[in-house]
Protein backbone atom coordinates (compact mmCIF):
# COMPACT_ATOMS: atom_id res chain seq x y z
CA MET A 1 5.49 43.96 16.22
CA ARG A 2 6.56 40.60 14.73
CA LYS A 3 7.59 40.41 11.17
CA PHE A 4 6.27 37.37 9.31
CA GLU A 5 8.34 35.99 6.50
CA VAL A 6 6.66 34.69 3.40
CA ALA A 7 7.64 31.12 2.62
CA PRO A 8 9.52 30.76 -0.65
CA PRO A 9 7.61 29.03 -3.41
CA SER A 10 8.04 25.27 -3.46
CA LYS A 11 10.57 23.95 -5.92
CA TYR A 12 8.34 20.92 -6.49
CA THR A 13 5.22 21.22 -8.61
CA PRO A 14 1.99 19.56 -7.44
CA GLU A 15 2.20 17.24 -10.44
CA LEU A 16 5.70 16.10 -9.45
CA ARG A 17 4.56 15.51 -5.88
CA GLU A 18 1.56 13.47 -7.02
CA GLU A 19 3.65 11.37 -9.38
CA ALA A 20 6.32 10.76 -6.73
CA VAL A 21 3.67 9.67 -4.20
CA GLN A 22 2.08 7.28 -6.70
CA ILE A 23 5.49 5.77 -7.54
CA ALA A 24 6.28 5.36 -3.84
CA LEU A 25 2.92 3.71 -3.11
CA ARG A 26 3.13 1.30 -6.06
CA SER A 27 6.78 0.39 -5.51
CA SER A 28 7.86 -2.61 -3.48
CA LYS A 29 10.87 -0.57 -2.36
CA THR A 30 11.06 1.53 0.78
CA ILE A 31 10.28 5.22 0.66
CA SER A 32 13.96 5.97 1.25
CA GLU A 33 15.02 3.86 -1.74
CA THR A 34 12.33 5.38 -3.93
CA ALA A 35 13.31 8.89 -2.83
CA ARG A 36 16.95 8.21 -3.68
CA GLU A 37 15.97 7.02 -7.16
CA LEU A 38 13.84 10.15 -7.67
CA GLU A 39 16.60 12.33 -6.22
CA LEU A 40 14.38 13.57 -3.39
CA ASN A 41 14.93 13.87 0.33
CA PRO A 42 13.42 10.74 1.92
CA GLU A 43 11.68 12.77 4.64
CA THR A 44 10.13 15.04 2.03
CA LEU A 45 8.68 12.08 0.14
CA ARG A 46 7.59 10.42 3.39
CA GLY A 47 5.70 13.59 4.34
CA TRP A 48 3.98 13.73 0.94
CA VAL A 49 2.95 10.07 1.24
CA LYS A 50 1.56 10.54 4.76
CA LYS A 51 -0.37 13.62 3.67
CA TYR A 52 -1.78 11.76 0.65
CA GLN A 53 -2.80 8.76 2.77
CA LYS A 54 -4.44 10.98 5.37
CA GLN A 55 -6.43 12.86 2.73
CA ASN A 56 -7.46 9.70 0.88
CA GLU A 57 -8.25 7.30 3.71
CA PRO A 58 -11.82 6.05 3.81
CA ALA A 59 -14.02 7.50 6.52
CA ALA A 60 -13.83 5.34 9.64
CA GLY A 61 -17.02 3.44 10.25
CA ALA A 62 -18.49 4.33 6.87
CA PRO A 63 -20.80 1.60 5.58
CA LEU A 64 -19.51 -0.53 2.71
CA THR A 65 -20.97 0.02 -0.71
CA LEU A 66 -22.69 -2.81 -2.54
CA ASP A 67 -19.63 -3.30 -4.77
CA GLU A 68 -17.31 -3.40 -1.77
CA ARG A 69 -19.50 -5.98 -0.04
CA ALA A 70 -19.57 -8.16 -3.15
CA ARG A 71 -15.80 -7.91 -3.51
CA LEU A 72 -15.29 -8.74 0.16
CA LYS A 73 -17.60 -11.75 -0.09
CA GLU A 74 -15.73 -12.99 -3.17
CA GLN A 75 -12.37 -12.54 -1.42
CA ASP A 76 -13.62 -14.46 1.63
CA ARG A 77 -14.77 -17.31 -0.64
CA ARG A 78 -11.41 -17.34 -2.43
CA ILE A 79 -9.51 -17.39 0.88
CA ARG A 80 -11.53 -20.39 2.09
CA GLU A 81 -10.87 -22.17 -1.21
CA LEU A 82 -7.12 -21.49 -1.04
CA GLU A 83 -6.96 -22.63 2.59
CA MET A 84 -8.62 -25.93 1.62
CA GLU A 85 -6.20 -26.40 -1.28
CA ASN A 86 -3.27 -25.61 1.01
CA ALA A 87 -4.44 -28.15 3.61
CA PHE A 88 -4.80 -30.80 0.87
CA LEU A 89 -1.29 -30.11 -0.45
CA LYS A 90 0.15 -30.37 3.06
CA LYS A 91 -1.50 -33.78 3.47
CA CYS A 92 -0.13 -34.89 0.11
CA ALA A 93 3.36 -33.73 1.00
CA ALA A 94 3.18 -35.57 4.34
CA TYR A 95 1.98 -38.75 2.62
CA PHE A 96 4.76 -38.74 0.02
CA ALA A 97 7.39 -37.79 2.59
CA LYS A 98 6.67 -40.92 4.66
CA ASP A 99 6.13 -43.31 1.71
CA PRO A 100 9.37 -45.33 1.32
CA ARG A 101 9.31 -46.35 -2.34
């Protein structure tokens, strides 16, 4: 008969894990850099982040809510506006670059 060992209790509380994941997700640094700053093993933090992302990802193919549709429409409008401004600025830069004053 096999003897099963009971895993030792985790030395990290759920609150610490949650806070570390949130810091890692909000940070512009890599997970390894964030883990070093928090004095954690990078692979441990990476595993927590992956688990969090898997549990909190939106259902694939789920219809967008009314708020999400409105936000998406507004973002599309803003992107078009910024692309037009960018094109205008490129034309201005080209004009002034060739103008020998």
